[in-house]
Amino acid sequence: MVTVTVSRPKTKTRAKPERPRLYKVILLNDDITPQEFVVKVLKAVFRMTVDEAYGVMLTAHQKGACVVAVFTKEVAESKATRGTDEGAKAGYPLTFTTERED
């Protein structure tokens, strides 16, 4: 009599990669930067249409701040820095910040 041993392949438990934390890019209102310039920066840095950029700019103007977009940390920080730098190059206090999304 022959005994046959059947072995089942071991199943590997894969750890699911954690989703990267997301960060909001926030436009802060100031009373010096011209609205047209803010729209121009939003179009260039965040690839918004004129209507989208105008809406974001108006919300920041009326409420003091506005979430522009949500990205991974590195992208959010890069875009916030780029937008703020564009303002500084033109002599305006245009400011973008980032904040972790809950």
C-alpha atoms as a PDB file:
ATOM      1  CA  MET A   1       0.000   0.000   0.000  1.00  0.00           C
ATOM      2  CA  VAL A   2       1.318   3.388  -1.070  1.00  0.00           C
ATOM      3  CA  THR A   3       0.512   6.458   0.983  1.00  0.00           C
ATOM      4  CA  VAL A   4       0.166   9.680  -0.893  1.00  0.00           C
ATOM      5  CA  THR A   5       0.630  12.882   1.019  1.00  0.00           C
ATOM      6  CA  VAL A   6      -1.169  15.842  -0.418  1.00  0.00           C
ATOM      7  CA  SER A   7       0.237  19.150   0.624  1.00  0.00           C
ATOM      8  CA  ARG A   8      -1.522  22.372  -0.031  1.00  0.00           C
ATOM      9  CA  PRO A   9       0.459  25.372  -1.053  1.00  0.00           C
ATOM     10  CA  LYS A  10       0.862  27.870   1.745  1.00  0.00           C
ATOM     11  CA  THR A  11      -1.100  31.012   1.176  1.00  0.00           C
ATOM     12  CA  LYS A  12       0.895  34.146   1.559  1.00  0.00           C
ATOM     13  CA  THR A  13      -0.702  36.964   3.430  1.00  0.00           C
ATOM     14  CA  ARG A  14       0.003  40.184   1.664  1.00  0.00           C
ATOM     15  CA  ALA A  15      -0.124  43.380   3.590  1.00  0.00           C
ATOM     16  CA  LYS A  16      -2.224  45.857   1.723  1.00  0.00           C
ATOM     17  CA  PRO A  17      -0.229  48.954   0.984  1.00  0.00           C
ATOM     18  CA  GLU A  18      -1.505  51.855   2.999  1.00  0.00           C
ATOM     19  CA  ARG A  19      -3.110  54.612   0.992  1.00  0.00           C
ATOM     20  CA  PRO A  20      -0.983  57.733   1.095  1.00  0.00           C
ATOM     21  CA  ARG A  21      -2.284  60.519   3.271  1.00  0.00           C
ATOM     22  CA  LEU A  22      -3.819  63.356   1.329  1.00  0.00           C
ATOM     23  CA  TYR A  23      -3.155  67.044   1.838  1.00  0.00           C
ATOM     24  CA  LYS A  24      -5.254  70.074   0.950  1.00  0.00           C
ATOM     25  CA  VAL A  25      -3.702  73.033  -0.811  1.00  0.00           C
ATOM     26  CA  ILE A  26      -5.299  76.173   0.599  1.00  0.00           C
ATOM     27  CA  LEU A  27      -5.314  79.630  -0.973  1.00  0.00           C
ATOM     28  CA  LEU A  28      -5.222  82.419   1.603  1.00  0.00           C
ATOM     29  CA  ASN A  29      -6.835  85.751   0.792  1.00  0.00           C
ATOM     30  CA  ASP A  30      -4.900  88.991   0.883  1.00  0.00           C
ATOM     31  CA  ASP A  31      -5.985  92.490  -0.046  1.00  0.00           C
ATOM     32  CA  ILE A  32      -2.976  93.285  -2.240  1.00  0.00           C
ATOM     33  CA  THR A  33      -2.657  90.568  -4.903  1.00  0.00           C
ATOM     34  CA  PRO A  34      -4.837  91.424  -7.922  1.00  0.00           C
ATOM     35  CA  GLN A  35      -7.635  88.969  -8.623  1.00  0.00           C
ATOM     36  CA  GLU A  36      -6.511  88.545 -12.235  1.00  0.00           C
ATOM     37  CA  PHE A  37      -3.051  87.499 -11.049  1.00  0.00           C
ATOM     38  CA  VAL A  38      -4.519  84.917  -8.649  1.00  0.00           C
ATOM     39  CA  VAL A  39      -6.583  83.466 -11.514  1.00  0.00           C
ATOM     40  CA  LYS A  40      -3.470  83.347 -13.703  1.00  0.00           C
ATOM     41  CA  VAL A  41      -1.509  81.429 -11.031  1.00  0.00           C
ATOM     42  CA  LEU A  42      -4.382  79.005 -10.390  1.00  0.00           C
ATOM     43  CA  LYS A  43      -4.580  78.266 -14.114  1.00  0.00           C
ATOM     44  CA  ALA A  44      -0.822  77.787 -14.483  1.00  0.00           C
ATOM     45  CA  VAL A  45      -0.012  75.834 -11.314  1.00  0.00           C
ATOM     46  CA  PHE A  46      -3.240  73.893 -10.765  1.00  0.00           C
ATOM     47  CA  ARG A  47      -4.342  73.558 -14.412  1.00  0.00           C
ATOM     48  CA  MET A  48      -7.754  75.080 -13.762  1.00  0.00           C
ATOM     49  CA  THR A  49     -10.071  76.561 -16.320  1.00  0.00           C
ATOM     50  CA  VAL A  50     -10.771  80.282 -16.112  1.00  0.00           C
ATOM     51  CA  ASP A  51     -14.165  79.598 -14.525  1.00  0.00           C
ATOM     52  CA  GLU A  52     -12.743  77.180 -11.928  1.00  0.00           C
ATOM     53  CA  ALA A  53      -9.922  79.560 -11.037  1.00  0.00           C
ATOM     54  CA  TYR A  54     -12.266  82.524 -10.778  1.00  0.00           C
ATOM     55  CA  GLY A  55     -14.585  80.553  -8.467  1.00  0.00           C
ATOM     56  CA  VAL A  56     -11.722  79.513  -6.172  1.00  0.00           C
ATOM     57  CA  MET A  57     -10.372  83.064  -6.097  1.00  0.00           C
ATOM     58  CA  LEU A  58     -13.799  84.503  -5.224  1.00  0.00           C
ATOM     59  CA  THR A  59     -14.362  81.942  -2.452  1.00  0.00           C
ATOM     60  CA  ALA A  60     -10.977  82.785  -0.913  1.00  0.00           C
ATOM     61  CA  HIS A  61     -11.764  86.488  -1.264  1.00  0.00           C
ATOM     62  CA  GLN A  62     -15.139  86.164   0.460  1.00  0.00           C
ATOM     63  CA  LYS A  63     -14.278  83.580   3.125  1.00  0.00           C
ATOM     64  CA  GLY A  64     -10.606  84.339   3.749  1.00  0.00           C
ATOM     65  CA  ALA A  65      -9.344  80.987   2.446  1.00  0.00           C
ATOM     66  CA  CYS A  66     -10.318  78.267   0.000  1.00  0.00           C
ATOM     67  CA  VAL A  67      -9.245  74.685  -0.630  1.00  0.00           C
ATOM     68  CA  VAL A  68      -7.764  74.645  -4.112  1.00  0.00           C
ATOM     69  CA  ALA A  69      -7.156  70.905  -4.530  1.00  0.00           C
ATOM     70  CA  VAL A  70      -6.169  67.724  -2.692  1.00  0.00           C
ATOM     71  CA  PHE A  71      -2.971  65.798  -3.448  1.00  0.00           C
ATOM     72  CA  THR A  72      -0.409  63.521  -1.867  1.00  0.00           C
ATOM     73  CA  LYS A  73       1.895  65.377   0.526  1.00  0.00           C
ATOM     74  CA  GLU A  74       4.780  65.860  -1.896  1.00  0.00           C
ATOM     75  CA  VAL A  75       2.592  67.124  -4.734  1.00  0.00           C
ATOM     76  CA  ALA A  76       0.583  69.424  -2.439  1.00  0.00           C
ATOM     77  CA  GLU A  77       3.710  70.972  -0.961  1.00  0.00           C
ATOM     78  CA  SER A  78       5.295  71.383  -4.367  1.00  0.00           C
ATOM     79  CA  LYS A  79       2.259  73.126  -5.867  1.00  0.00           C
ATOM     80  CA  ALA A  80       1.762  75.343  -2.784  1.00  0.00           C
ATOM     81  CA  THR A  81       5.399  76.413  -2.923  1.00  0.00           C
ATOM     82  CA  ARG A  82       5.236  77.027  -6.665  1.00  0.00           C
ATOM     83  CA  GLY A  83       2.097  79.169  -6.346  1.00  0.00           C
ATOM     84  CA  THR A  84       3.525  81.194  -3.456  1.00  0.00           C
ATOM     85  CA  ASP A  85       6.807  81.661  -5.348  1.00  0.00           C
ATOM     86  CA  GLU A  86       4.944  82.950  -8.421  1.00  0.00           C
ATOM     87  CA  GLY A  87       3.374  85.618  -6.238  1.00  0.00           C
ATOM     88  CA  ALA A  88       6.681  86.539  -4.625  1.00  0.00           C
ATOM     89  CA  LYS A  89       8.392  86.853  -8.036  1.00  0.00           C
ATOM     90  CA  ALA A  90       5.707  89.338  -9.058  1.00  0.00           C
ATOM     91  CA  GLY A  91       5.989  91.217  -5.745  1.00  0.00           C
ATOM     92  CA  TYR A  92       2.691  90.030  -4.251  1.00  0.00           C
ATOM     93  CA  PRO A  93       2.005  88.362  -0.894  1.00  0.00           C
ATOM     94  CA  LEU A  94       0.046  85.536  -2.572  1.00  0.00           C
ATOM     95  CA  THR A  95       0.124  82.564  -0.193  1.00  0.00           C
ATOM     96  CA  PHE A  96      -0.760  78.901  -0.536  1.00  0.00           C
ATOM     97  CA  THR A  97      -0.487  76.521   2.405  1.00  0.00           C
ATOM     98  CA  THR A  98      -1.017  72.801   2.910  1.00  0.00           C
ATOM     99  CA  GLU A  99      -2.981  70.950   5.561  1.00  0.00           C
ATOM    100  CA  ARG A 100      -3.469  67.244   6.127  1.00  0.00           C
ATOM    101  CA  GLU A 101      -6.917  66.042   5.170  1.00  0.00           C
ATOM    102  CA  ASP A 102      -8.774  64.128   7.870  1.00  0.00           C
END
